[in-house]
Amino acid sequence: MTRLGDLERAVMDVLWDSASAASDGVTVREVADALDGRELAYTTVMTVLDRLAGKGMVQREREGRAWRYRPAATREAHIAQLMLDALDLGGSRDAALVRFARSVTGTEADVLRAALAAEAGLTDPARAGETGRTDPNRAAGAGRTDPARPGEAGLTDRVEAPRPAGPALDEATDR
């Protein structure tokens, strides 16, 4: 996924913020008006939106002589993809994931535990580390291939780090 420049990010923020309010999208003029503090020419905003459409970041639809733009994916989906791309930069994915897990707050760790438990089909987030013990076919990422790597069946986007036993788990994740 392409990283966004400052102006592209500002335009995408306008689209993401207006996505729920205007399901049919926004015009170049509406985006330019929302970026009023930046004093940008209409044609500059139009060019940025055209480039974002070319990158697949926005979808556009003709309305009369104008285009209506809307984000191709949610802000959260974009950020998640950036995180996955960062893991692919090299080095050890395991080490990067462990370092990330150690840097999150206790509340963020709870969110991650609950998401992993839901992904694994568990109802008790405290048992998120038991995915392989309850149903090996439902373990996080089991059987899912990475669409960015065609021909590499069996590879998954997820790596499970070993979980410490006992109180060490709470200390490591509740920072």
C-alpha atoms as a PDB file:
ATOM      1  CA  MET A   1       0.000   0.000   0.000  1.00  0.00           C
ATOM      2  CA  THR A   2       1.231   3.433  -0.889  1.00  0.00           C
ATOM      3  CA  ARG A   3       2.098   5.810   1.899  1.00  0.00           C
ATOM      4  CA  LEU A   4       0.368   9.141   1.596  1.00  0.00           C
ATOM      5  CA  GLY A   5       1.986  12.547   1.416  1.00  0.00           C
ATOM      6  CA  ASP A   6       0.840  15.387   3.677  1.00  0.00           C
ATOM      7  CA  LEU A   7      -1.703  16.832   1.233  1.00  0.00           C
ATOM      8  CA  GLU A   8      -2.985  13.397   0.196  1.00  0.00           C
ATOM      9  CA  ARG A   9      -3.474  12.511   3.862  1.00  0.00           C
ATOM     10  CA  ALA A  10      -5.368  15.767   4.489  1.00  0.00           C
ATOM     11  CA  VAL A  11      -7.638  15.060   1.501  1.00  0.00           C
ATOM     12  CA  MET A  12      -8.207  11.469   2.664  1.00  0.00           C
ATOM     13  CA  ASP A  13      -9.051  12.755   6.160  1.00  0.00           C
ATOM     14  CA  VAL A  14     -11.756  14.932   4.610  1.00  0.00           C
ATOM     15  CA  LEU A  15     -13.115  11.946   2.673  1.00  0.00           C
ATOM     16  CA  TRP A  16     -12.997   9.633   5.685  1.00  0.00           C
ATOM     17  CA  ASP A  17     -14.643  12.231   7.936  1.00  0.00           C
ATOM     18  CA  SER A  18     -17.406  12.852   5.401  1.00  0.00           C
ATOM     19  CA  ALA A  19     -17.901   9.211   4.383  1.00  0.00           C
ATOM     20  CA  SER A  20     -20.675   8.501   6.878  1.00  0.00           C
ATOM     21  CA  ALA A  21     -22.400  11.857   6.367  1.00  0.00           C
ATOM     22  CA  ALA A  22     -22.389  11.740   2.560  1.00  0.00           C
ATOM     23  CA  SER A  23     -22.695   8.163   1.351  1.00  0.00           C
ATOM     24  CA  ASP A  24     -22.773   9.333  -2.265  1.00  0.00           C
ATOM     25  CA  GLY A  25     -19.358  10.969  -1.936  1.00  0.00           C
ATOM     26  CA  VAL A  26     -18.104  14.547  -2.082  1.00  0.00           C
ATOM     27  CA  THR A  27     -17.115  16.863  -4.900  1.00  0.00           C
ATOM     28  CA  VAL A  28     -13.760  18.527  -5.457  1.00  0.00           C
ATOM     29  CA  ARG A  29     -15.306  21.833  -4.325  1.00  0.00           C
ATOM     30  CA  GLU A  30     -16.529  20.268  -1.060  1.00  0.00           C
ATOM     31  CA  VAL A  31     -13.071  18.851  -0.362  1.00  0.00           C
ATOM     32  CA  ALA A  32     -11.419  22.192  -1.214  1.00  0.00           C
ATOM     33  CA  ASP A  33     -13.860  24.007   1.107  1.00  0.00           C
ATOM     34  CA  ALA A  34     -13.084  21.554   3.923  1.00  0.00           C
ATOM     35  CA  LEU A  35      -9.370  22.316   3.452  1.00  0.00           C
ATOM     36  CA  ASP A  36     -10.055  26.079   3.728  1.00  0.00           C
ATOM     37  CA  GLY A  37      -7.089  26.811   5.999  1.00  0.00           C
ATOM     38  CA  ARG A  38      -4.654  25.537   3.377  1.00  0.00           C
ATOM     39  CA  GLU A  39      -5.547  28.050   0.623  1.00  0.00           C
ATOM     40  CA  LEU A  40      -5.319  25.481  -2.168  1.00  0.00           C
ATOM     41  CA  ALA A  41      -6.391  26.027  -5.748  1.00  0.00           C
ATOM     42  CA  TYR A  42      -9.376  24.012  -6.938  1.00  0.00           C
ATOM     43  CA  THR A  43      -7.172  22.407  -9.602  1.00  0.00           C
ATOM     44  CA  THR A  44      -4.650  21.304  -6.970  1.00  0.00           C
ATOM     45  CA  VAL A  45      -7.359  19.479  -5.011  1.00  0.00           C
ATOM     46  CA  MET A  46      -8.700  18.008  -8.262  1.00  0.00           C
ATOM     47  CA  THR A  47      -5.218  16.730  -9.161  1.00  0.00           C
ATOM     48  CA  VAL A  48      -4.712  15.177  -5.725  1.00  0.00           C
ATOM     49  CA  LEU A  49      -8.095  13.415  -5.925  1.00  0.00           C
ATOM     50  CA  ASP A  50      -7.287  12.196  -9.453  1.00  0.00           C
ATOM     51  CA  ARG A  51      -3.964  10.776  -8.240  1.00  0.00           C
ATOM     52  CA  LEU A  52      -5.635   9.130  -5.247  1.00  0.00           C
ATOM     53  CA  ALA A  53      -8.130   7.528  -7.635  1.00  0.00           C
ATOM     54  CA  GLY A  54      -5.212   6.269  -9.721  1.00  0.00           C
ATOM     55  CA  LYS A  55      -3.660   4.729  -6.608  1.00  0.00           C
ATOM     56  CA  GLY A  56      -6.944   2.997  -5.763  1.00  0.00           C
ATOM     57  CA  MET A  57      -7.394   4.999  -2.570  1.00  0.00           C
ATOM     58  CA  VAL A  58     -10.640   6.639  -3.697  1.00  0.00           C
ATOM     59  CA  GLN A  59     -13.561   5.688  -5.883  1.00  0.00           C
ATOM     60  CA  ARG A  60     -15.169   8.253  -8.091  1.00  0.00           C
ATOM     61  CA  GLU A  61     -18.467   8.494  -9.877  1.00  0.00           C
ATOM     62  CA  ARG A  62     -19.558  10.951 -12.529  1.00  0.00           C
ATOM     63  CA  GLU A  63     -22.341  13.341 -11.562  1.00  0.00           C
ATOM     64  CA  GLY A  64     -23.113  15.655 -14.458  1.00  0.00           C
ATOM     65  CA  ARG A  65     -19.850  17.388 -15.330  1.00  0.00           C
ATOM     66  CA  ALA A  66     -18.312  16.779 -11.907  1.00  0.00           C
ATOM     67  CA  TRP A  67     -16.981  13.747 -10.058  1.00  0.00           C
ATOM     68  CA  ARG A  68     -18.041  12.547  -6.622  1.00  0.00           C
ATOM     69  CA  TYR A  69     -15.306  10.922  -4.546  1.00  0.00           C
ATOM     70  CA  ARG A  70     -15.441   8.531  -1.615  1.00  0.00           C
ATOM     71  CA  PRO A  71     -12.756   6.481   0.135  1.00  0.00           C
ATOM     72  CA  ALA A  72     -12.148   3.009  -1.281  1.00  0.00           C
ATOM     73  CA  ALA A  73     -11.495   1.666   2.241  1.00  0.00           C
ATOM     74  CA  THR A  74     -11.999   2.851   5.793  1.00  0.00           C
ATOM     75  CA  ARG A  75      -9.319   4.742   7.666  1.00  0.00           C
ATOM     76  CA  GLU A  76      -8.919   1.730   9.966  1.00  0.00           C
ATOM     77  CA  ALA A  77      -8.419  -0.640   7.018  1.00  0.00           C
ATOM     78  CA  HIS A  78      -5.791   1.703   5.565  1.00  0.00           C
ATOM     79  CA  ILE A  79      -3.907   1.909   8.869  1.00  0.00           C
ATOM     80  CA  ALA A  80      -4.058  -1.869   9.332  1.00  0.00           C
ATOM     81  CA  GLN A  81      -2.600  -2.347   5.842  1.00  0.00           C
ATOM     82  CA  LEU A  82       0.196   0.115   6.626  1.00  0.00           C
ATOM     83  CA  MET A  83       1.002  -1.912   9.740  1.00  0.00           C
ATOM     84  CA  LEU A  84       1.108  -5.149   7.742  1.00  0.00           C
ATOM     85  CA  ASP A  85       3.305  -3.488   5.119  1.00  0.00           C
ATOM     86  CA  ALA A  86       5.670  -2.342   7.872  1.00  0.00           C
ATOM     87  CA  LEU A  87       5.983  -5.946   9.077  1.00  0.00           C
ATOM     88  CA  ASP A  88       7.051  -6.919   5.550  1.00  0.00           C
ATOM     89  CA  LEU A  89       9.952  -4.438   5.525  1.00  0.00           C
ATOM     90  CA  GLY A  90      12.351  -7.138   6.631  1.00  0.00           C
ATOM     91  CA  GLY A  91      13.785  -8.551   9.759  1.00  0.00           C
ATOM     92  CA  SER A  92      11.815 -10.762  12.071  1.00  0.00           C
ATOM     93  CA  ARG A  93       8.043 -10.358  12.022  1.00  0.00           C
ATOM     94  CA  ASP A  94       7.954 -12.190  15.366  1.00  0.00           C
ATOM     95  CA  ALA A  95      10.358  -9.728  16.987  1.00  0.00           C
ATOM     96  CA  ALA A  96       8.492  -6.738  15.569  1.00  0.00           C
ATOM     97  CA  LEU A  97       5.157  -8.064  16.809  1.00  0.00           C
ATOM     98  CA  VAL A  98       6.519  -8.787  20.278  1.00  0.00           C
ATOM     99  CA  ARG A  99       8.079  -5.315  20.494  1.00  0.00           C
ATOM    100  CA  PHE A 100       4.785  -3.778  19.350  1.00  0.00           C
ATOM    101  CA  ALA A 101       2.828  -5.816  21.926  1.00  0.00           C
ATOM    102  CA  ARG A 102       5.150  -4.595  24.676  1.00  0.00           C
ATOM    103  CA  SER A 103       4.602  -0.971  23.657  1.00  0.00           C
ATOM    104  CA  VAL A 104       0.806  -0.876  23.829  1.00  0.00           C
ATOM    105  CA  THR A 105      -1.173   0.313  26.839  1.00  0.00           C
ATOM    106  CA  GLY A 106      -3.198  -2.063  28.990  1.00  0.00           C
ATOM    107  CA  THR A 107      -6.418  -0.965  27.314  1.00  0.00           C
ATOM    108  CA  GLU A 108      -4.914  -1.471  23.850  1.00  0.00           C
ATOM    109  CA  ALA A 109      -3.685  -4.920  24.922  1.00  0.00           C
ATOM    110  CA  ASP A 110      -7.241  -5.762  26.014  1.00  0.00           C
ATOM    111  CA  VAL A 111      -8.537  -4.711  22.588  1.00  0.00           C
ATOM    112  CA  LEU A 112      -5.931  -6.892  20.867  1.00  0.00           C
ATOM    113  CA  ARG A 113      -6.721  -9.861  23.133  1.00  0.00           C
ATOM    114  CA  ALA A 114     -10.441  -9.536  22.424  1.00  0.00           C
ATOM    115  CA  ALA A 115      -9.845  -9.254  18.658  1.00  0.00           C
ATOM    116  CA  LEU A 116      -7.581 -12.316  18.641  1.00  0.00           C
ATOM    117  CA  ALA A 117     -10.086 -14.268  20.712  1.00  0.00           C
ATOM    118  CA  ALA A 118     -12.921 -13.306  18.362  1.00  0.00           C
ATOM    119  CA  GLU A 119     -10.806 -14.256  15.333  1.00  0.00           C
ATOM    120  CA  ALA A 120     -10.094 -17.633  16.897  1.00  0.00           C
ATOM    121  CA  GLY A 121     -13.741 -18.207  17.742  1.00  0.00           C
ATOM    122  CA  LEU A 122     -13.286 -17.969  21.492  1.00  0.00           C
ATOM    123  CA  THR A 123     -15.762 -16.195  23.738  1.00  0.00           C
ATOM    124  CA  ASP A 124     -13.370 -15.640  26.647  1.00  0.00           C
ATOM    125  CA  PRO A 125     -10.614 -13.133  25.703  1.00  0.00           C
ATOM    126  CA  ALA A 126      -8.522 -14.362  28.644  1.00  0.00           C
ATOM    127  CA  ARG A 127      -8.118 -17.630  26.725  1.00  0.00           C
ATOM    128  CA  ALA A 128      -6.846 -15.925  23.534  1.00  0.00           C
ATOM    129  CA  GLY A 129      -3.535 -17.776  23.791  1.00  0.00           C
ATOM    130  CA  GLU A 130      -5.312 -21.124  23.693  1.00  0.00           C
ATOM    131  CA  THR A 131      -6.373 -20.912  20.051  1.00  0.00           C
ATOM    132  CA  GLY A 132      -4.367 -23.934  18.994  1.00  0.00           C
ATOM    133  CA  ARG A 133      -5.645 -26.035  21.914  1.00  0.00           C
ATOM    134  CA  THR A 134      -9.358 -25.486  21.342  1.00  0.00           C
ATOM    135  CA  ASP A 135      -9.641 -26.023  17.592  1.00  0.00           C
ATOM    136  CA  PRO A 136      -6.527 -26.206  15.447  1.00  0.00           C
ATOM    137  CA  ASN A 137      -8.533 -25.372  12.330  1.00  0.00           C
ATOM    138  CA  ARG A 138      -9.732 -22.075  13.832  1.00  0.00           C
ATOM    139  CA  ALA A 139      -6.377 -20.799  15.074  1.00  0.00           C
ATOM    140  CA  ALA A 140      -5.661 -17.176  14.213  1.00  0.00           C
ATOM    141  CA  GLY A 141      -4.931 -17.031  10.520  1.00  0.00           C
ATOM    142  CA  ALA A 142      -5.258 -20.793   9.959  1.00  0.00           C
ATOM    143  CA  GLY A 143      -5.757 -21.617   6.322  1.00  0.00           C
ATOM    144  CA  ARG A 144      -5.715 -17.998   5.192  1.00  0.00           C
ATOM    145  CA  THR A 145      -3.262 -17.067   2.526  1.00  0.00           C
ATOM    146  CA  ASP A 146      -1.823 -13.649   1.909  1.00  0.00           C
ATOM    147  CA  PRO A 147      -3.357 -12.266  -1.320  1.00  0.00           C
ATOM    148  CA  ALA A 148      -0.290 -10.065  -1.775  1.00  0.00           C
ATOM    149  CA  ARG A 149       1.789 -13.231  -2.240  1.00  0.00           C
ATOM    150  CA  PRO A 150       0.049 -15.285  -4.934  1.00  0.00           C
ATOM    151  CA  GLY A 151       1.351 -18.782  -5.357  1.00  0.00           C
ATOM    152  CA  GLU A 152       2.502 -19.035  -1.750  1.00  0.00           C
ATOM    153  CA  ALA A 153      -0.396 -21.071  -0.404  1.00  0.00           C
ATOM    154  CA  GLY A 154      -0.325 -21.768   3.282  1.00  0.00           C
ATOM    155  CA  LEU A 155       1.422 -18.549   4.283  1.00  0.00           C
ATOM    156  CA  THR A 156      -0.541 -16.445   6.711  1.00  0.00           C
ATOM    157  CA  ASP A 157      -0.456 -12.825   7.742  1.00  0.00           C
ATOM    158  CA  ARG A 158      -0.252 -13.718  11.405  1.00  0.00           C
ATOM    159  CA  VAL A 159       2.530 -14.901  13.637  1.00  0.00           C
ATOM    160  CA  GLU A 160       1.810 -16.070  17.152  1.00  0.00           C
ATOM    161  CA  ALA A 161       4.470 -15.261  19.703  1.00  0.00           C
ATOM    162  CA  PRO A 162       4.834 -17.694  22.601  1.00  0.00           C
ATOM    163  CA  ARG A 163       2.806 -16.596  25.601  1.00  0.00           C
ATOM    164  CA  PRO A 164       4.484 -16.522  29.003  1.00  0.00           C
ATOM    165  CA  ALA A 165       2.739 -18.520  31.681  1.00  0.00           C
ATOM    166  CA  GLY A 166       1.245 -17.083  34.839  1.00  0.00           C
ATOM    167  CA  PRO A 167       1.659 -13.537  36.168  1.00  0.00           C
ATOM    168  CA  ALA A 168       4.347 -12.638  33.613  1.00  0.00           C
ATOM    169  CA  LEU A 169       1.586 -12.446  30.990  1.00  0.00           C
ATOM    170  CA  ASP A 170      -0.281  -9.749  32.868  1.00  0.00           C
ATOM    171  CA  GLU A 171       2.904  -7.748  33.456  1.00  0.00           C
ATOM    172  CA  ALA A 172       3.947  -7.949  29.789  1.00  0.00           C
ATOM    173  CA  THR A 173       0.569  -6.947  28.361  1.00  0.00           C
ATOM    174  CA  ASP A 174      -0.838  -4.500  30.899  1.00  0.00           C
ATOM    175  CA  ARG A 175       1.702  -1.721  30.429  1.00  0.00           C
END
